[in-house]
N, C-alpha and C. Protein backbone atom coordinates (compact mmCIF):
# COMPACT_ATOMS: atom_id res chain seq x y z
N MET A 1 9.12 25.78 11.65
CA MET A 1 8.30 26.65 10.76
C MET A 1 7.43 27.29 11.41
N ASN A 2 6.81 28.44 10.81
CA ASN A 2 6.12 29.30 11.56
C ASN A 2 4.71 28.68 11.80
N PRO A 3 3.84 28.76 12.69
CA PRO A 3 2.41 28.24 12.78
C PRO A 3 1.37 28.62 11.88
N TRP A 4 1.67 29.74 11.06
CA TRP A 4 0.71 30.29 10.27
C TRP A 4 1.02 29.37 8.94
N THR A 5 2.16 29.32 8.67
CA THR A 5 2.70 28.64 7.51
C THR A 5 1.92 27.13 7.44
N VAL A 6 2.33 26.47 8.72
CA VAL A 6 1.53 24.95 8.82
C VAL A 6 0.22 25.27 8.79
N GLY A 7 -0.43 26.08 9.23
CA GLY A 7 -1.88 26.08 9.17
C GLY A 7 -2.24 26.42 7.83
N VAL A 8 -1.81 27.23 7.04
CA VAL A 8 -1.97 27.59 5.68
C VAL A 8 -1.74 26.07 4.85
N ALA A 9 -0.39 25.44 5.11
CA ALA A 9 -0.30 24.40 4.23
C ALA A 9 -1.56 23.34 4.48
N ILE A 10 -1.88 23.19 5.65
CA ILE A 10 -2.90 22.11 6.20
C ILE A 10 -4.26 22.40 5.52
N VAL A 11 -4.45 23.91 5.45
CA VAL A 11 -5.96 24.33 4.91
C VAL A 11 -5.84 23.83 3.41
N GLY A 12 -4.71 24.61 2.57
CA GLY A 12 -4.52 24.43 1.32
C GLY A 12 -4.49 22.91 0.79
N LEU A 13 -3.95 21.88 1.66
CA LEU A 13 -4.04 20.45 1.35
C LEU A 13 -5.32 19.99 1.49
N ALA A 14 -6.00 20.48 2.59
CA ALA A 14 -7.45 19.88 2.59
C ALA A 14 -8.04 20.41 1.44
N VAL A 15 -8.04 21.51 1.01
CA VAL A 15 -8.95 22.26 0.08
C VAL A 15 -8.52 21.46 -1.47
N ILE A 16 -7.27 21.01 -1.74
CA ILE A 16 -6.72 20.20 -2.60
C ILE A 16 -7.56 19.11 -2.66
N SER A 17 -7.30 18.44 -1.51
CA SER A 17 -7.71 16.80 -1.49
C SER A 17 -9.52 16.84 -1.64
N VAL A 18 -9.99 17.86 -1.14
CA VAL A 18 -11.57 17.78 -1.36
C VAL A 18 -12.06 17.98 -2.86
N VAL A 19 -11.32 18.84 -3.61
CA VAL A 19 -11.66 19.21 -4.82
C VAL A 19 -11.35 17.92 -5.73
N THR A 20 -10.07 17.53 -5.65
CA THR A 20 -9.70 16.53 -6.69
C THR A 20 -10.29 14.85 -6.21
N ARG A 21 -10.68 14.83 -5.18
CA ARG A 21 -11.62 13.60 -4.65
C ARG A 21 -13.00 13.90 -4.84
N SER A 22 -13.58 15.09 -5.08
CA SER A 22 -14.92 15.43 -5.46
C SER A 22 -15.13 15.71 -6.91
N PHE A 23 -13.97 15.57 -7.88
CA PHE A 23 -13.95 16.14 -8.84
C PHE A 23 -15.27 15.37 -9.95
N PHE A 24 -15.28 13.97 -9.44
CA PHE A 24 -16.39 13.26 -10.47
C PHE A 24 -17.71 13.59 -10.03
N PHE A 25 -17.91 13.98 -8.66
CA PHE A 25 -18.96 14.25 -8.23
C PHE A 25 -19.51 15.67 -8.60
N ILE A 26 -18.92 16.56 -8.85
CA ILE A 26 -19.29 17.82 -9.07
C ILE A 26 -20.34 17.88 -10.39
N SER A 27 -19.98 17.24 -11.48
CA SER A 27 -20.72 17.05 -12.51
C SER A 27 -22.27 16.56 -12.37
N ARG A 28 -23.32 16.96 -12.92
CA ARG A 28 -24.49 16.19 -12.75
C ARG A 28 -24.81 15.18 -13.72
N ARG A 29 -23.83 15.22 -14.74
CA ARG A 29 -24.33 14.15 -15.55
C ARG A 29 -22.63 13.34 -15.42
N GLU A 30 -23.13 12.04 -16.09
CA GLU A 30 -21.66 11.20 -15.94
C GLU A 30 -20.85 11.57 -17.15
N LEU A 31 -19.54 11.64 -16.42
CA LEU A 31 -18.47 11.93 -17.64
C LEU A 31 -18.15 10.75 -18.62
N PRO A 32 -18.06 10.99 -19.81
CA PRO A 32 -17.93 9.81 -20.85
C PRO A 32 -16.50 9.43 -20.46
N MET A 33 -16.47 8.09 -20.45
CA MET A 33 -15.09 7.72 -20.40
C MET A 33 -14.90 6.42 -21.25
N PRO A 34 -13.70 6.14 -22.18
CA PRO A 34 -13.56 5.07 -22.96
C PRO A 34 -13.49 3.84 -22.09
N GLY A 35 -13.89 2.67 -22.76
CA GLY A 35 -14.14 1.38 -22.23
C GLY A 35 -12.22 1.09 -21.66
N TRP A 36 -11.35 1.41 -22.37
CA TRP A 36 -10.08 1.05 -21.75
C TRP A 36 -9.83 1.86 -20.74
N LEU A 37 -10.22 2.80 -20.40
CA LEU A 37 -9.82 3.74 -19.10
C LEU A 37 -10.56 3.10 -17.99
N ARG A 38 -12.01 2.71 -18.33
CA ARG A 38 -12.74 2.11 -17.40
C ARG A 38 -12.04 0.76 -16.78
N ARG A 39 -11.64 -0.02 -17.69
CA ARG A 39 -10.83 -1.29 -17.38
C ARG A 39 -9.53 -1.13 -16.67
N GLY A 40 -8.96 -0.03 -16.99
CA GLY A 40 -7.62 0.55 -16.42
C GLY A 40 -7.89 0.87 -14.85
N LEU A 41 -9.14 1.72 -14.71
CA LEU A 41 -9.22 2.23 -13.54
C LEU A 41 -9.45 0.83 -12.37
N ALA A 42 -10.12 0.00 -12.81
CA ALA A 42 -10.30 -1.26 -12.23
C ALA A 42 -9.14 -1.72 -11.30
N TYR A 43 -7.83 -1.69 -11.82
CA TYR A 43 -6.72 -1.99 -11.38
C TYR A 43 -6.04 -1.17 -10.47
N ALA A 44 -6.65 0.38 -10.43
CA ALA A 44 -5.78 1.32 -9.66
C ALA A 44 -5.72 0.98 -8.32
N PRO A 45 -6.54 0.40 -7.57
CA PRO A 45 -6.35 0.15 -6.02
C PRO A 45 -5.22 -0.79 -5.91
N LEU A 46 -5.30 -1.78 -6.80
CA LEU A 46 -4.25 -2.99 -6.62
C LEU A 46 -2.84 -2.43 -6.84
N ALA A 47 -2.74 -1.56 -8.20
CA ALA A 47 -1.69 -1.19 -8.37
C ALA A 47 -0.84 0.01 -7.41
N ALA A 48 -1.84 0.56 -6.67
CA ALA A 48 -1.30 1.48 -5.52
C ALA A 48 -0.91 0.95 -4.30
N LEU A 49 -1.71 -0.18 -3.98
CA LEU A 49 -1.17 -1.08 -3.12
C LEU A 49 0.01 -1.91 -3.25
N VAL A 50 0.22 -2.38 -4.48
CA VAL A 50 1.65 -2.93 -4.94
C VAL A 50 2.70 -1.91 -4.95
N ALA A 51 2.47 -0.61 -5.16
CA ALA A 51 3.50 0.40 -5.29
C ALA A 51 3.87 0.67 -3.90
N VAL A 52 2.93 0.47 -2.87
CA VAL A 52 3.36 0.62 -1.39
C VAL A 52 4.11 -0.11 -0.82
N ILE A 53 3.50 -1.52 -1.04
CA ILE A 53 4.12 -2.58 -0.15
C ILE A 53 5.21 -3.47 -0.80
N ALA A 54 5.39 -3.25 -2.11
CA ALA A 54 6.73 -4.11 -2.75
C ALA A 54 8.04 -3.35 -2.28
N PRO A 55 8.02 -1.98 -2.18
CA PRO A 55 9.28 -1.40 -1.73
C PRO A 55 9.88 -1.87 -0.46
N GLU A 56 8.60 -1.95 0.35
CA GLU A 56 8.82 -2.59 1.97
C GLU A 56 9.19 -3.96 1.95
N ILE A 57 8.71 -4.66 1.07
CA ILE A 57 9.41 -6.35 1.09
C ILE A 57 10.50 -6.47 0.44
N LEU A 58 10.80 -5.58 -0.61
CA LEU A 58 12.08 -5.91 -1.13
C LEU A 58 13.26 -5.07 -1.30
N MET A 59 13.26 -4.04 -0.25
CA MET A 59 14.30 -3.07 -0.18
C MET A 59 14.61 -2.76 1.26
N SER A 60 15.76 -2.44 1.48
CA SER A 60 16.21 -1.95 2.71
C SER A 60 17.15 -0.72 2.70
N HIS A 61 16.61 0.47 3.43
CA HIS A 61 17.60 1.69 3.13
C HIS A 61 17.97 2.06 1.94
N GLY A 62 16.70 1.78 1.09
CA GLY A 62 16.79 2.35 -0.19
C GLY A 62 17.70 1.35 -1.26
N GLN A 63 18.19 0.32 -0.86
CA GLN A 63 18.88 -0.61 -1.85
C GLN A 63 17.87 -1.96 -1.86
N LEU A 64 18.13 -2.57 -2.88
CA LEU A 64 17.44 -4.06 -2.96
C LEU A 64 18.08 -4.80 -1.82
N LEU A 65 17.21 -5.87 -1.59
CA LEU A 65 17.87 -6.92 -0.55
C LEU A 65 18.95 -7.44 -1.14
N ASP A 66 20.22 -7.56 -0.35
CA ASP A 66 21.28 -8.44 -1.01
C ASP A 66 21.55 -9.63 -0.08
N THR A 67 20.78 -9.80 0.83
CA THR A 67 20.95 -11.17 1.78
C THR A 67 19.83 -11.76 1.95
N TRP A 68 19.81 -12.95 2.23
CA TRP A 68 18.81 -14.10 2.41
C TRP A 68 18.44 -13.88 3.76
N ARG A 69 19.13 -13.18 4.72
CA ARG A 69 18.95 -12.90 6.16
C ARG A 69 18.02 -11.57 6.49
N ASP A 70 16.77 -11.72 5.97
CA ASP A 70 15.63 -10.86 5.96
C ASP A 70 14.64 -11.75 6.55
N ALA A 71 13.73 -11.07 7.50
CA ALA A 71 12.66 -11.85 7.69
C ALA A 71 11.39 -11.44 6.81
N ARG A 72 11.22 -10.38 6.06
CA ARG A 72 10.27 -10.07 5.37
C ARG A 72 10.06 -11.04 4.04
N PRO A 73 10.84 -11.45 3.28
CA PRO A 73 10.65 -12.32 2.09
C PRO A 73 10.10 -13.74 2.64
N PRO A 74 10.46 -14.43 3.70
CA PRO A 74 9.87 -15.55 4.23
C PRO A 74 8.56 -15.53 4.60
N ALA A 75 8.35 -14.41 5.52
CA ALA A 75 6.99 -14.05 5.82
C ALA A 75 6.01 -13.82 4.93
N VAL A 76 6.38 -13.06 3.90
CA VAL A 76 5.36 -12.53 2.66
C VAL A 76 4.97 -14.16 2.06
N LEU A 77 6.06 -15.08 1.83
CA LEU A 77 5.80 -16.12 1.01
C LEU A 77 4.83 -17.05 1.73
N VAL A 78 5.06 -17.31 3.13
CA VAL A 78 4.30 -17.90 3.85
C VAL A 78 2.73 -17.32 3.93
N ALA A 79 2.78 -16.11 4.06
CA ALA A 79 1.38 -15.48 4.13
C ALA A 79 0.59 -15.57 2.97
N LEU A 80 1.27 -15.47 1.68
CA LEU A 80 0.96 -15.59 0.37
C LEU A 80 0.47 -17.08 0.12
N ALA A 81 1.06 -18.06 0.35
CA ALA A 81 0.50 -19.30 0.34
C ALA A 81 -0.54 -19.41 1.36
N TYR A 82 -0.75 -19.18 2.53
CA TYR A 82 -1.95 -19.26 3.40
C TYR A 82 -3.01 -18.63 2.63
N TYR A 83 -3.13 -17.34 2.23
CA TYR A 83 -3.97 -16.64 1.57
C TYR A 83 -4.61 -17.37 0.40
N PHE A 84 -3.70 -17.81 -0.60
CA PHE A 84 -3.97 -18.37 -1.75
C PHE A 84 -4.88 -19.99 -1.16
N TRP A 85 -4.25 -20.50 0.01
CA TRP A 85 -5.01 -21.74 0.22
C TRP A 85 -6.30 -21.47 1.04
N ARG A 86 -6.38 -20.69 1.81
CA ARG A 86 -7.79 -20.28 2.66
C ARG A 86 -8.62 -19.06 2.24
N ARG A 87 -7.89 -18.14 1.46
CA ARG A 87 -8.80 -17.16 1.25
C ARG A 87 -9.13 -16.03 2.51
N ASP A 88 -8.14 -16.16 3.61
CA ASP A 88 -8.49 -15.42 4.55
C ASP A 88 -7.50 -14.32 5.08
N ILE A 89 -8.08 -13.20 5.09
CA ILE A 89 -7.03 -12.06 5.48
C ILE A 89 -6.78 -12.12 6.85
N LEU A 90 -7.55 -12.27 7.77
CA LEU A 90 -7.01 -12.39 8.97
C LEU A 90 -5.96 -13.20 9.32
N GLY A 91 -6.08 -14.66 9.06
CA GLY A 91 -5.27 -15.44 8.84
C GLY A 91 -3.78 -15.34 8.36
N THR A 92 -4.18 -14.67 7.18
CA THR A 92 -2.90 -14.27 6.48
C THR A 92 -1.96 -13.27 7.03
N ILE A 93 -2.63 -12.37 7.80
CA ILE A 93 -1.78 -11.35 8.60
C ILE A 93 -1.27 -11.97 9.88
N VAL A 94 -2.12 -13.02 10.52
CA VAL A 94 -1.40 -13.48 11.94
C VAL A 94 -0.47 -14.28 11.39
N LEU A 95 -0.58 -15.21 10.32
CA LEU A 95 0.54 -16.14 9.93
C LEU A 95 1.77 -15.31 9.71
N GLY A 96 1.74 -14.20 8.55
CA GLY A 96 2.90 -13.76 8.20
C GLY A 96 3.40 -13.09 9.32
N MET A 97 2.90 -12.40 10.43
CA MET A 97 3.49 -11.66 11.61
C MET A 97 3.85 -12.96 12.31
N THR A 98 3.34 -14.30 12.56
CA THR A 98 3.63 -15.33 13.17
C THR A 98 5.25 -15.70 12.57
N VAL A 99 5.51 -15.82 11.31
CA VAL A 99 6.74 -15.98 10.92
C VAL A 99 7.73 -14.81 11.04
N TYR A 100 7.12 -13.67 10.86
CA TYR A 100 8.01 -12.34 10.75
C TYR A 100 8.81 -11.99 12.13
N LEU A 101 7.86 -12.08 12.89
CA LEU A 101 8.31 -11.63 14.40
C LEU A 101 9.35 -12.29 14.93
N PRO A 102 9.41 -13.68 15.12
CA PRO A 102 10.48 -14.62 15.43
C PRO A 102 11.87 -14.45 14.77
N LEU A 103 11.77 -14.20 13.27
CA LEU A 103 13.11 -14.18 12.42
C LEU A 103 13.59 -12.79 12.79
N HIS A 104 12.81 -11.65 13.08
CA HIS A 104 13.21 -10.23 13.00
C HIS A 104 13.60 -10.03 14.55
N ILE A 105 12.78 -10.38 15.51
CA ILE A 105 13.03 -10.15 16.87
C ILE A 105 14.33 -11.31 17.41
N GLY A 106 13.72 -12.40 17.21
CA GLY A 106 14.34 -13.46 17.86
C GLY A 106 15.90 -13.83 17.20
N LEU A 107 16.02 -13.76 15.71
CA LEU A 107 17.09 -13.90 15.15
C LEU A 107 17.87 -12.77 14.95
N GLY A 108 17.18 -11.53 14.82
CA GLY A 108 18.01 -10.35 14.36
C GLY A 108 18.04 -10.09 13.07
N TRP A 109 16.85 -10.76 12.26
CA TRP A 109 17.08 -10.71 10.85
C TRP A 109 16.57 -9.34 10.60
């Protein structure tokens, strides 16, 4: 790609990002929103997180997992169980990786 094209693309994306993210701050008065929309927006971060993580856990090379010999589902199950037991994010990550790495690197899953 031409360096000018890359520069224009970066500047354009930055401008679009700033405008769309600051849309609610531009107005001096609060924008009226129906109650159903406010309740729905409360779930937006969780929905975005699930949309990013679920394919990583359930898919490989664009296809659903078709074998039990994959390190991700057991690691996720152990991590979820630990999280619901202790409500500790750091422990969840450490325990999930403690299950994932031996299965993935050690057994080649």
